[in-house]
Amino acid sequence: MNLLVDTELFDRRNMIGISSSSDFGRAERATVFLIFWDDWQDKIDEILRAKKDNTALVVYAPKGPRSIPEDKFIELNSKRNVMVTNFRGRLLNDIVISLMTTSYQ
């Protein structure tokens, strides 16, 4: 969250932190879902079900021992408005592009 707020492009009041899958309902009106793969890899199927077709999903998944397995990568690739990035610098770019793609106002 700090990465986004520090850019001064985003207001913290426009962000919704989700700490468990039981909170997914809080994000129903969200334009973009941003997840850290290490934290949410076990809930990715629930996230994909909760995500509307016109909602973007940006997955931050740095390379390492817990990288996205090939089968999950293929599944993510089959969905609309899903982006995977493994660099923090690309993360900001992907979020801005996602907002443009989903008609952010």
PDB file of N, CA and C in Angstrom:
ATOM      1  N   MET A   1       0.820  -1.191   0.000  1.00  0.00           N
ATOM      2  CA  MET A   1       0.000   0.000   0.000  1.00  0.00           C
ATOM      3  C   MET A   1       0.866   1.258   0.000  1.00  0.00           C
ATOM      4  N   ASN A   2       1.950   1.195   0.759  1.00  0.00           N
ATOM      5  CA  ASN A   2       2.838   2.360   0.817  1.00  0.00           C
ATOM      6  C   ASN A   2       3.442   2.683  -0.542  1.00  0.00           C
ATOM      7  N   LEU A   3       3.763   1.654  -1.321  1.00  0.00           N
ATOM      8  CA  LEU A   3       4.312   1.879  -2.654  1.00  0.00           C
ATOM      9  C   LEU A   3       3.360   2.738  -3.480  1.00  0.00           C
ATOM     10  N   LEU A   4       2.076   2.472  -3.380  1.00  0.00           N
ATOM     11  CA  LEU A   4       1.082   3.227  -4.150  1.00  0.00           C
ATOM     12  C   LEU A   4       0.868   4.621  -3.588  1.00  0.00           C
ATOM     13  N   VAL A   5       0.751   4.724  -2.290  1.00  0.00           N
ATOM     14  CA  VAL A   5       0.506   6.022  -1.657  1.00  0.00           C
ATOM     15  C   VAL A   5       1.697   6.952  -1.852  1.00  0.00           C
ATOM     16  N   ASP A   6       2.899   6.416  -1.781  1.00  0.00           N
ATOM     17  CA  ASP A   6       4.103   7.234  -1.926  1.00  0.00           C
ATOM     18  C   ASP A   6       4.223   7.881  -3.308  1.00  0.00           C
ATOM     19  N   THR A   7       3.564   7.320  -4.309  1.00  0.00           N
ATOM     20  CA  THR A   7       3.604   7.916  -5.650  1.00  0.00           C
ATOM     21  C   THR A   7       2.766   9.189  -5.727  1.00  0.00           C
ATOM     22  N   GLU A   8       1.892   9.384  -4.762  1.00  0.00           N
ATOM     23  CA  GLU A   8       0.942  10.501  -4.712  1.00  0.00           C
ATOM     24  C   GLU A   8      -0.064  10.456  -5.862  1.00  0.00           C
ATOM     25  N   LEU A   9      -0.156   9.317  -6.530  1.00  0.00           N
ATOM     26  CA  LEU A   9      -1.179   9.111  -7.557  1.00  0.00           C
ATOM     27  C   LEU A   9      -2.441   8.528  -6.946  1.00  0.00           C
ATOM     28  N   PHE A  10      -2.308   7.903  -5.790  1.00  0.00           N
ATOM     29  CA  PHE A  10      -3.407   7.186  -5.164  1.00  0.00           C
ATOM     30  C   PHE A  10      -3.645   7.694  -3.751  1.00  0.00           C
ATOM     31  N   ASP A  11      -4.889   7.703  -3.362  1.00  0.00           N
ATOM     32  CA  ASP A  11      -5.288   8.119  -2.024  1.00  0.00           C
ATOM     33  C   ASP A  11      -5.579   6.860  -1.202  1.00  0.00           C
ATOM     34  N   ARG A  12      -4.998   6.774  -0.032  1.00  0.00           N
ATOM     35  CA  ARG A  12      -5.196   5.600   0.835  1.00  0.00           C
ATOM     36  C   ARG A  12      -6.684   5.332   1.093  1.00  0.00           C
ATOM     37  N   ARG A  13      -7.498   6.381   1.084  1.00  0.00           N
ATOM     38  CA  ARG A  13      -8.934   6.207   1.329  1.00  0.00           C
ATOM     39  C   ARG A  13      -9.624   5.424   0.211  1.00  0.00           C
ATOM     40  N   ASN A  14      -8.981   5.334  -0.944  1.00  0.00           N
ATOM     41  CA  ASN A  14      -9.547   4.581  -2.065  1.00  0.00           C
ATOM     42  C   ASN A  14      -9.074   3.126  -2.093  1.00  0.00           C
ATOM     43  N   MET A  15      -8.365   2.698  -1.071  1.00  0.00           N
ATOM     44  CA  MET A  15      -7.839   1.334  -1.008  1.00  0.00           C
ATOM     45  C   MET A  15      -8.544   0.562   0.098  1.00  0.00           C
ATOM     46  N   ILE A  16      -8.797  -0.692  -0.178  1.00  0.00           N
ATOM     47  CA  ILE A  16      -9.455  -1.564   0.792  1.00  0.00           C
ATOM     48  C   ILE A  16      -8.503  -2.716   1.088  1.00  0.00           C
ATOM     49  N   GLY A  17      -8.061  -2.813   2.308  1.00  0.00           N
ATOM     50  CA  GLY A  17      -7.203  -3.932   2.705  1.00  0.00           C
ATOM     51  C   GLY A  17      -8.056  -5.148   3.037  1.00  0.00           C
ATOM     52  N   ILE A  18      -7.666  -6.286   2.527  1.00  0.00           N
ATOM     53  CA  ILE A  18      -8.374  -7.538   2.780  1.00  0.00           C
ATOM     54  C   ILE A  18      -7.407  -8.470   3.495  1.00  0.00           C
ATOM     55  N   SER A  19      -7.784  -8.904   4.691  1.00  0.00           N
ATOM     56  CA  SER A  19      -6.869  -9.745   5.464  1.00  0.00           C
ATOM     57  C   SER A  19      -7.273 -11.217   5.469  1.00  0.00           C
ATOM     58  N   SER A  20      -8.498 -11.520   5.053  1.00  0.00           N
ATOM     59  CA  SER A  20      -8.924 -12.924   4.969  1.00  0.00           C
ATOM     60  C   SER A  20      -9.979 -13.064   3.883  1.00  0.00           C
ATOM     61  N   SER A  21     -10.182 -14.278   3.417  1.00  0.00           N
ATOM     62  CA  SER A  21     -11.135 -14.501   2.334  1.00  0.00           C
ATOM     63  C   SER A  21     -12.568 -14.173   2.757  1.00  0.00           C
ATOM     64  N   SER A  22     -12.840 -14.143   4.041  1.00  0.00           N
ATOM     65  CA  SER A  22     -14.186 -13.781   4.491  1.00  0.00           C
ATOM     66  C   SER A  22     -14.471 -12.293   4.275  1.00  0.00           C
ATOM     67  N   ASP A  23     -13.439 -11.508   3.970  1.00  0.00           N
ATOM     68  CA  ASP A  23     -13.597 -10.072   3.701  1.00  0.00           C
ATOM     69  C   ASP A  23     -13.792  -9.744   2.220  1.00  0.00           C
ATOM     70  N   PHE A  24     -13.826 -10.740   1.348  1.00  0.00           N
ATOM     71  CA  PHE A  24     -13.922 -10.471  -0.088  1.00  0.00           C
ATOM     72  C   PHE A  24     -15.138  -9.614  -0.433  1.00  0.00           C
ATOM     73  N   GLY A  25     -16.201  -9.737   0.304  1.00  0.00           N
ATOM     74  CA  GLY A  25     -17.403  -8.945   0.050  1.00  0.00           C
ATOM     75  C   GLY A  25     -17.153  -7.450   0.140  1.00  0.00           C
ATOM     76  N   ARG A  26     -16.187  -7.047   0.939  1.00  0.00           N
ATOM     77  CA  ARG A  26     -15.846  -5.624   1.068  1.00  0.00           C
ATOM     78  C   ARG A  26     -15.324  -5.047  -0.237  1.00  0.00           C
ATOM     79  N   ALA A  27     -14.828  -5.896  -1.119  1.00  0.00           N
ATOM     80  CA  ALA A  27     -14.196  -5.434  -2.351  1.00  0.00           C
ATOM     81  C   ALA A  27     -15.106  -5.585  -3.574  1.00  0.00           C
ATOM     82  N   GLU A  28     -16.397  -5.769  -3.354  1.00  0.00           N
ATOM     83  CA  GLU A  28     -17.313  -5.982  -4.478  1.00  0.00           C
ATOM     84  C   GLU A  28     -17.261  -4.871  -5.517  1.00  0.00           C
ATOM     85  N   ARG A  29     -17.095  -3.642  -5.085  1.00  0.00           N
ATOM     86  CA  ARG A  29     -17.119  -2.506  -6.008  1.00  0.00           C
ATOM     87  C   ARG A  29     -15.727  -2.076  -6.453  1.00  0.00           C
ATOM     88  N   ALA A  30     -14.719  -2.856  -6.120  1.00  0.00           N
ATOM     89  CA  ALA A  30     -13.342  -2.500  -6.473  1.00  0.00           C
ATOM     90  C   ALA A  30     -13.130  -2.557  -7.980  1.00  0.00           C
ATOM     91  N   THR A  31     -12.275  -1.680  -8.459  1.00  0.00           N
ATOM     92  CA  THR A  31     -11.914  -1.633  -9.872  1.00  0.00           C
ATOM     93  C   THR A  31     -10.737  -2.557 -10.150  1.00  0.00           C
ATOM     94  N   VAL A  32      -9.837  -2.668  -9.173  1.00  0.00           N
ATOM     95  CA  VAL A  32      -8.633  -3.488  -9.319  1.00  0.00           C
ATOM     96  C   VAL A  32      -8.413  -4.280  -8.036  1.00  0.00           C
ATOM     97  N   PHE A  33      -8.121  -5.562  -8.201  1.00  0.00           N
ATOM     98  CA  PHE A  33      -7.642  -6.385  -7.094  1.00  0.00           C
ATOM     99  C   PHE A  33      -6.128  -6.466  -7.248  1.00  0.00           C
ATOM    100  N   LEU A  34      -5.414  -6.208  -6.195  1.00  0.00           N
ATOM    101  CA  LEU A  34      -3.960  -6.350  -6.178  1.00  0.00           C
ATOM    102  C   LEU A  34      -3.615  -7.362  -5.109  1.00  0.00           C
ATOM    103  N   ILE A  35      -2.962  -8.441  -5.497  1.00  0.00           N
ATOM    104  CA  ILE A  35      -2.611  -9.464  -4.508  1.00  0.00           C
ATOM    105  C   ILE A  35      -1.123  -9.787  -4.583  1.00  0.00           C
ATOM    106  N   PHE A  36      -0.595 -10.150  -3.436  1.00  0.00           N
ATOM    107  CA  PHE A  36       0.770 -10.650  -3.329  1.00  0.00           C
ATOM    108  C   PHE A  36       0.671 -12.172  -3.336  1.00  0.00           C
ATOM    109  N   TRP A  37       1.249 -12.800  -4.343  1.00  0.00           N
ATOM    110  CA  TRP A  37       1.079 -14.233  -4.557  1.00  0.00           C
ATOM    111  C   TRP A  37       1.390 -15.058  -3.307  1.00  0.00           C
ATOM    112  N   ASP A  38       2.488 -14.773  -2.622  1.00  0.00           N
ATOM    113  CA  ASP A  38       2.858 -15.555  -1.438  1.00  0.00           C
ATOM    114  C   ASP A  38       1.756 -15.565  -0.386  1.00  0.00           C
ATOM    115  N   ASP A  39       1.050 -14.455  -0.242  1.00  0.00           N
ATOM    116  CA  ASP A  39       0.004 -14.358   0.783  1.00  0.00           C
ATOM    117  C   ASP A  39      -1.306 -15.020   0.364  1.00  0.00           C
ATOM    118  N   TRP A  40      -1.599 -15.054  -0.925  1.00  0.00           N
ATOM    119  CA  TRP A  40      -2.925 -15.456  -1.386  1.00  0.00           C
ATOM    120  C   TRP A  40      -2.937 -16.650  -2.325  1.00  0.00           C
ATOM    121  N   GLN A  41      -1.820 -17.318  -2.521  1.00  0.00           N
ATOM    122  CA  GLN A  41      -1.781 -18.415  -3.485  1.00  0.00           C
ATOM    123  C   GLN A  41      -2.766 -19.538  -3.165  1.00  0.00           C
ATOM    124  N   ASP A  42      -3.034 -19.774  -1.898  1.00  0.00           N
ATOM    125  CA  ASP A  42      -3.973 -20.831  -1.522  1.00  0.00           C
ATOM    126  C   ASP A  42      -5.427 -20.427  -1.744  1.00  0.00           C
ATOM    127  N   LYS A  43      -5.681 -19.148  -1.974  1.00  0.00           N
ATOM    128  CA  LYS A  43      -7.052 -18.644  -2.149  1.00  0.00           C
ATOM    129  C   LYS A  43      -7.300 -18.122  -3.560  1.00  0.00           C
ATOM    130  N   ILE A  44      -6.402 -18.425  -4.502  1.00  0.00           N
ATOM    131  CA  ILE A  44      -6.514 -17.840  -5.833  1.00  0.00           C
ATOM    132  C   ILE A  44      -7.812 -18.245  -6.526  1.00  0.00           C
ATOM    133  N   ASP A  45      -8.285 -19.447  -6.310  1.00  0.00           N
ATOM    134  CA  ASP A  45      -9.548 -19.857  -6.940  1.00  0.00           C
ATOM    135  C   ASP A  45     -10.717 -19.035  -6.409  1.00  0.00           C
ATOM    136  N   GLU A  46     -10.733 -18.760  -5.111  1.00  0.00           N
ATOM    137  CA  GLU A  46     -11.774 -17.918  -4.525  1.00  0.00           C
ATOM    138  C   GLU A  46     -11.687 -16.486  -5.053  1.00  0.00           C
ATOM    139  N   ILE A  47     -10.479 -15.995  -5.202  1.00  0.00           N
ATOM    140  CA  ILE A  47     -10.281 -14.643  -5.720  1.00  0.00           C
ATOM    141  C   ILE A  47     -10.799 -14.545  -7.148  1.00  0.00           C
ATOM    142  N   LEU A  48     -10.489 -15.532  -7.961  1.00  0.00           N
ATOM    143  CA  LEU A  48     -10.962 -15.524  -9.345  1.00  0.00           C
ATOM    144  C   LEU A  48     -12.485 -15.604  -9.416  1.00  0.00           C
ATOM    145  N   ARG A  49     -13.101 -16.322  -8.486  1.00  0.00           N
ATOM    146  CA  ARG A  49     -14.578 -16.375  -8.448  1.00  0.00           C
ATOM    147  C   ARG A  49     -15.166 -15.043  -7.984  1.00  0.00           C
ATOM    148  N   ALA A  50     -14.495 -14.370  -7.060  1.00  0.00           N
ATOM    149  CA  ALA A  50     -14.993 -13.094  -6.531  1.00  0.00           C
ATOM    150  C   ALA A  50     -14.794 -11.949  -7.517  1.00  0.00           C
ATOM    151  N   LYS A  51     -13.810 -12.072  -8.389  1.00  0.00           N
ATOM    152  CA  LYS A  51     -13.484 -11.023  -9.352  1.00  0.00           C
ATOM    153  C   LYS A  51     -14.524 -10.992 -10.464  1.00  0.00           C
ATOM    154  N   LYS A  52     -15.073  -9.819 -10.695  1.00  0.00           N
ATOM    155  CA  LYS A  52     -15.993  -9.659 -11.817  1.00  0.00           C
ATOM    156  C   LYS A  52     -15.187  -9.585 -13.104  1.00  0.00           C
ATOM    157  N   ASP A  53     -15.855  -9.808 -14.224  1.00  0.00           N
ATOM    158  CA  ASP A  53     -15.171  -9.822 -15.512  1.00  0.00           C
ATOM    159  C   ASP A  53     -14.497  -8.491 -15.818  1.00  0.00           C
ATOM    160  N   ASN A  54     -15.120  -7.387 -15.419  1.00  0.00           N
ATOM    161  CA  ASN A  54     -14.549  -6.067 -15.722  1.00  0.00           C
ATOM    162  C   ASN A  54     -13.645  -5.545 -14.609  1.00  0.00           C
ATOM    163  N   THR A  55     -13.363  -6.364 -13.610  1.00  0.00           N
ATOM    164  CA  THR A  55     -12.425  -6.006 -12.543  1.00  0.00           C
ATOM    165  C   THR A  55     -11.051  -6.553 -12.903  1.00  0.00           C
ATOM    166  N   ALA A  56     -10.046  -5.722 -12.796  1.00  0.00           N
ATOM    167  CA  ALA A  56      -8.687  -6.169 -13.086  1.00  0.00           C
ATOM    168  C   ALA A  56      -8.103  -6.878 -11.861  1.00  0.00           C
ATOM    169  N   LEU A  57      -7.264  -7.845 -12.124  1.00  0.00           N
ATOM    170  CA  LEU A  57      -6.521  -8.541 -11.078  1.00  0.00           C
ATOM    171  C   LEU A  57      -5.048  -8.420 -11.412  1.00  0.00           C
ATOM    172  N   VAL A  58      -4.293  -7.802 -10.505  1.00  0.00           N
ATOM    173  CA  VAL A  58      -2.849  -7.687 -10.667  1.00  0.00           C
ATOM    174  C   VAL A  58      -2.219  -8.563  -9.593  1.00  0.00           C
ATOM    175  N   VAL A  59      -1.425  -9.521 -10.034  1.00  0.00           N
ATOM    176  CA  VAL A  59      -0.770 -10.458  -9.128  1.00  0.00           C
ATOM    177  C   VAL A  59       0.714 -10.112  -9.083  1.00  0.00           C
ATOM    178  N   TYR A  60       1.187  -9.758  -7.891  1.00  0.00           N
ATOM    179  CA  TYR A  60       2.610  -9.506  -7.701  1.00  0.00           C
ATOM    180  C   TYR A  60       3.239 -10.806  -7.218  1.00  0.00           C
ATOM    181  N   ALA A  61       4.096 -11.388  -8.060  1.00  0.00           N
ATOM    182  CA  ALA A  61       4.681 -12.688  -7.764  1.00  0.00           C
ATOM    183  C   ALA A  61       6.172 -12.678  -8.081  1.00  0.00           C
ATOM    184  N   PRO A  62       6.993 -12.195  -7.137  1.00  0.00           N
ATOM    185  CA  PRO A  62       8.433 -12.184  -7.386  1.00  0.00           C
ATOM    186  C   PRO A  62       8.966 -13.602  -7.603  1.00  0.00           C
ATOM    187  N   LYS A  63      10.006 -13.702  -8.409  1.00  0.00           N
ATOM    188  CA  LYS A  63      10.637 -15.005  -8.657  1.00  0.00           C
ATOM    189  C   LYS A  63      11.211 -15.544  -7.367  1.00  0.00           C
ATOM    190  N   GLY A  64      11.153 -16.842  -7.226  1.00  0.00           N
ATOM    191  CA  GLY A  64      11.687 -17.487  -6.039  1.00  0.00           C
ATOM    192  C   GLY A  64      11.104 -18.875  -5.895  1.00  0.00           C
ATOM    193  N   PRO A  65      11.353 -19.490  -4.764  1.00  0.00           N
ATOM    194  CA  PRO A  65      10.900 -20.874  -4.571  1.00  0.00           C
ATOM    195  C   PRO A  65       9.373 -21.014  -4.553  1.00  0.00           C
ATOM    196  N   ARG A  66       8.675 -19.929  -4.264  1.00  0.00           N
ATOM    197  CA  ARG A  66       7.208 -19.996  -4.212  1.00  0.00           C
ATOM    198  C   ARG A  66       6.589 -19.252  -5.391  1.00  0.00           C
ATOM    199  N   SER A  67       7.237 -19.275  -6.531  1.00  0.00           N
ATOM    200  CA  SER A  67       6.700 -18.651  -7.737  1.00  0.00           C
ATOM    201  C   SER A  67       5.413 -19.364  -8.155  1.00  0.00           C
ATOM    202  N   ILE A  68       4.706 -18.751  -9.064  1.00  0.00           N
ATOM    203  CA  ILE A  68       3.440 -19.317  -9.527  1.00  0.00           C
ATOM    204  C   ILE A  68       3.708 -20.619 -10.286  1.00  0.00           C
ATOM    205  N   PRO A  69       3.062 -21.722  -9.877  1.00  0.00           N
ATOM    206  CA  PRO A  69       3.219 -22.976 -10.616  1.00  0.00           C
ATOM    207  C   PRO A  69       2.637 -22.842 -12.027  1.00  0.00           C
ATOM    208  N   GLU A  70       3.142 -23.627 -12.940  1.00  0.00           N
ATOM    209  CA  GLU A  70       2.743 -23.541 -14.348  1.00  0.00           C
ATOM    210  C   GLU A  70       1.236 -23.694 -14.541  1.00  0.00           C
ATOM    211  N   ASP A  71       0.593 -24.635 -13.839  1.00  0.00           N
ATOM    212  CA  ASP A  71      -0.847 -24.847 -14.021  1.00  0.00           C
ATOM    213  C   ASP A  71      -1.653 -23.628 -13.580  1.00  0.00           C
ATOM    214  N   LYS A  72      -1.247 -22.976 -12.513  1.00  0.00           N
ATOM    215  CA  LYS A  72      -1.946 -21.765 -12.050  1.00  0.00           C
ATOM    216  C   LYS A  72      -1.668 -20.585 -12.976  1.00  0.00           C
ATOM    217  N   PHE A  73      -0.444 -20.546 -13.507  1.00  0.00           N
ATOM    218  CA  PHE A  73      -0.104 -19.489 -14.452  1.00  0.00           C
ATOM    219  C   PHE A  73      -0.979 -19.597 -15.699  1.00  0.00           C
ATOM    220  N   ILE A  74      -1.179 -20.806 -16.182  1.00  0.00           N
ATOM    221  CA  ILE A  74      -2.040 -21.036 -17.349  1.00  0.00           C
ATOM    222  C   ILE A  74      -3.477 -20.636 -17.028  1.00  0.00           C
ATOM    223  N   GLU A  75      -3.944 -20.970 -15.835  1.00  0.00           N
ATOM    224  CA  GLU A  75      -5.305 -20.590 -15.429  1.00  0.00           C
ATOM    225  C   GLU A  75      -5.455 -19.067 -15.358  1.00  0.00           C
ATOM    226  N   LEU A  76      -4.493 -18.392 -14.770  1.00  0.00           N
ATOM    227  CA  LEU A  76      -4.542 -16.931 -14.695  1.00  0.00           C
ATOM    228  C   LEU A  76      -4.543 -16.322 -16.091  1.00  0.00           C
ATOM    229  N   ASN A  77      -3.740 -16.872 -16.971  1.00  0.00           N
ATOM    230  CA  ASN A  77      -3.646 -16.374 -18.335  1.00  0.00           C
ATOM    231  C   ASN A  77      -4.952 -16.546 -19.114  1.00  0.00           C
ATOM    232  N   SER A  78      -5.776 -17.493 -18.708  1.00  0.00           N
ATOM    233  CA  SER A  78      -7.038 -17.746 -19.415  1.00  0.00           C
ATOM    234  C   SER A  78      -8.144 -16.765 -19.016  1.00  0.00           C
ATOM    235  N   LYS A  79      -7.905 -15.956 -18.000  1.00  0.00           N
ATOM    236  CA  LYS A  79      -8.914 -15.000 -17.510  1.00  0.00           C
ATOM    237  C   LYS A  79      -8.681 -13.624 -18.102  1.00  0.00           C
ATOM    238  N   ARG A  80      -9.777 -12.876 -18.243  1.00  0.00           N
ATOM    239  CA  ARG A  80      -9.676 -11.510 -18.751  1.00  0.00           C
ATOM    240  C   ARG A  80      -9.201 -10.568 -17.653  1.00  0.00           C
ATOM    241  N   ASN A  81      -8.473  -9.528 -18.042  1.00  0.00           N
ATOM    242  CA  ASN A  81      -8.025  -8.471 -17.135  1.00  0.00           C
ATOM    243  C   ASN A  81      -7.183  -8.979 -15.966  1.00  0.00           C
ATOM    244  N   VAL A  82      -6.332  -9.942 -16.232  1.00  0.00           N
ATOM    245  CA  VAL A  82      -5.417 -10.457 -15.212  1.00  0.00           C
ATOM    246  C   VAL A  82      -3.985 -10.199 -15.673  1.00  0.00           C
ATOM    247  N   MET A  83      -3.198  -9.621 -14.783  1.00  0.00           N
ATOM    248  CA  MET A  83      -1.789  -9.354 -15.071  1.00  0.00           C
ATOM    249  C   MET A  83      -0.938  -9.942 -13.958  1.00  0.00           C
ATOM    250  N   VAL A  84       0.204 -10.473 -14.339  1.00  0.00           N
ATOM    251  CA  VAL A  84       1.167 -11.008 -13.378  1.00  0.00           C
ATOM    252  C   VAL A  84       2.466 -10.240 -13.568  1.00  0.00           C
ATOM    253  N   THR A  85       3.016  -9.768 -12.479  1.00  0.00           N
ATOM    254  CA  THR A  85       4.301  -9.057 -12.554  1.00  0.00           C
ATOM    255  C   THR A  85       5.215  -9.551 -11.444  1.00  0.00           C
ATOM    256  N   ASN A  86       6.513  -9.515 -11.712  1.00  0.00           N
ATOM    257  CA  ASN A  86       7.455  -9.965 -10.681  1.00  0.00           C
ATOM    258  C   ASN A  86       8.444  -8.874 -10.281  1.00  0.00           C
ATOM    259  N   PHE A  87       8.237  -7.649 -10.765  1.00  0.00           N
ATOM    260  CA  PHE A  87       9.070  -6.521 -10.368  1.00  0.00           C
ATOM    261  C   PHE A  87       8.199  -5.423  -9.775  1.00  0.00           C
ATOM    262  N   ARG A  88       8.630  -4.829  -8.668  1.00  0.00           N
ATOM    263  CA  ARG A  88       7.856  -3.753  -8.052  1.00  0.00           C
ATOM    264  C   ARG A  88       7.690  -2.568  -8.992  1.00  0.00           C
ATOM    265  N   GLY A  89       8.701  -2.274  -9.783  1.00  0.00           N
ATOM    266  CA  GLY A  89       8.605  -1.166 -10.727  1.00  0.00           C
ATOM    267  C   GLY A  89       7.530  -1.400 -11.774  1.00  0.00           C
ATOM    268  N   ARG A  90       7.378  -2.632 -12.223  1.00  0.00           N
ATOM    269  CA  ARG A  90       6.329  -2.975 -13.179  1.00  0.00           C
ATOM    270  C   ARG A  90       4.960  -2.962 -12.523  1.00  0.00           C
ATOM    271  N   LEU A  91       4.933  -3.208 -11.237  1.00  0.00           N
ATOM    272  CA  LEU A  91       3.671  -3.279 -10.509  1.00  0.00           C
ATOM    273  C   LEU A  91       2.876  -1.987 -10.651  1.00  0.00           C
ATOM    274  N   LEU A  92       3.519  -0.874 -10.449  1.00  0.00           N
ATOM    275  CA  LEU A  92       2.839   0.415 -10.562  1.00  0.00           C
ATOM    276  C   LEU A  92       2.309   0.612 -11.982  1.00  0.00           C
ATOM    277  N   ASN A  93       3.110   0.295 -12.970  1.00  0.00           N
ATOM    278  CA  ASN A  93       2.689   0.406 -14.356  1.00  0.00           C
ATOM    279  C   ASN A  93       1.458  -0.461 -14.625  1.00  0.00           C
ATOM    280  N   ASP A  94       1.472  -1.690 -14.152  1.00  0.00           N
ATOM    281  CA  ASP A  94       0.346  -2.596 -14.379  1.00  0.00           C
ATOM    282  C   ASP A  94      -0.920  -2.116 -13.682  1.00  0.00           C
ATOM    283  N   ILE A  95      -0.782  -1.504 -12.522  1.00  0.00           N
ATOM    284  CA  ILE A  95      -1.952  -0.970 -11.823  1.00  0.00           C
ATOM    285  C   ILE A  95      -2.544   0.196 -12.606  1.00  0.00           C
ATOM    286  N   VAL A  96      -1.709   1.104 -13.071  1.00  0.00           N
ATOM    287  CA  VAL A  96      -2.204   2.257 -13.846  1.00  0.00           C
ATOM    288  C   VAL A  96      -2.872   1.784 -15.128  1.00  0.00           C
ATOM    289  N   ILE A  97      -2.263   0.853 -15.833  1.00  0.00           N
ATOM    290  CA  ILE A  97      -2.866   0.311 -17.057  1.00  0.00           C
ATOM    291  C   ILE A  97      -4.188  -0.383 -16.734  1.00  0.00           C
ATOM    292  N   SER A  98      -4.242  -1.090 -15.626  1.00  0.00           N
ATOM    293  CA  SER A  98      -5.479  -1.760 -15.220  1.00  0.00           C
ATOM    294  C   SER A  98      -6.588  -0.751 -14.974  1.00  0.00           C
ATOM    295  N   LEU A  99      -6.255   0.344 -14.333  1.00  0.00           N
ATOM    296  CA  LEU A  99      -7.261   1.375 -14.076  1.00  0.00           C
ATOM    297  C   LEU A  99      -7.771   1.974 -15.381  1.00  0.00           C
ATOM    298  N   MET A 100      -6.884   2.179 -16.328  1.00  0.00           N
ATOM    299  CA  MET A 100      -7.294   2.712 -17.630  1.00  0.00           C
ATOM    300  C   MET A 100      -8.174   1.699 -18.364  1.00  0.00           C
ATOM    301  N   THR A 101      -7.819   0.442 -18.278  1.00  0.00           N
ATOM    302  CA  THR A 101      -8.555  -0.606 -18.976  1.00  0.00           C
ATOM    303  C   THR A 101      -9.944  -0.809 -18.395  1.00  0.00           C
ATOM    304  N   THR A 102     -10.076  -0.623 -17.103  1.00  0.00           N
ATOM    305  CA  THR A 102     -11.378  -0.870 -16.448  1.00  0.00           C
ATOM    306  C   THR A 102     -12.184   0.411 -16.287  1.00  0.00           C
ATOM    307  N   SER A 103     -11.855   1.433 -17.038  1.00  0.00           N
ATOM    308  CA  SER A 103     -12.592   2.703 -17.064  1.00  0.00           C
ATOM    309  C   SER A 103     -12.631   3.400 -15.710  1.00  0.00           C
ATOM    310  N   TYR A 104     -11.489   3.478 -15.063  1.00  0.00           N
ATOM    311  CA  TYR A 104     -11.375   4.171 -13.781  1.00  0.00           C
ATOM    312  C   TYR A 104     -11.723   5.640 -13.972  1.00  0.00           C
ATOM    313  N   GLN A 105     -12.503   6.192 -13.026  1.00  0.00           N
ATOM    314  CA  GLN A 105     -12.898   7.597 -13.113  1.00  0.00           C
ATOM    315  C   GLN A 105     -12.393   8.346 -11.904  1.00  0.00           C
TER     316      GLN A 105
END
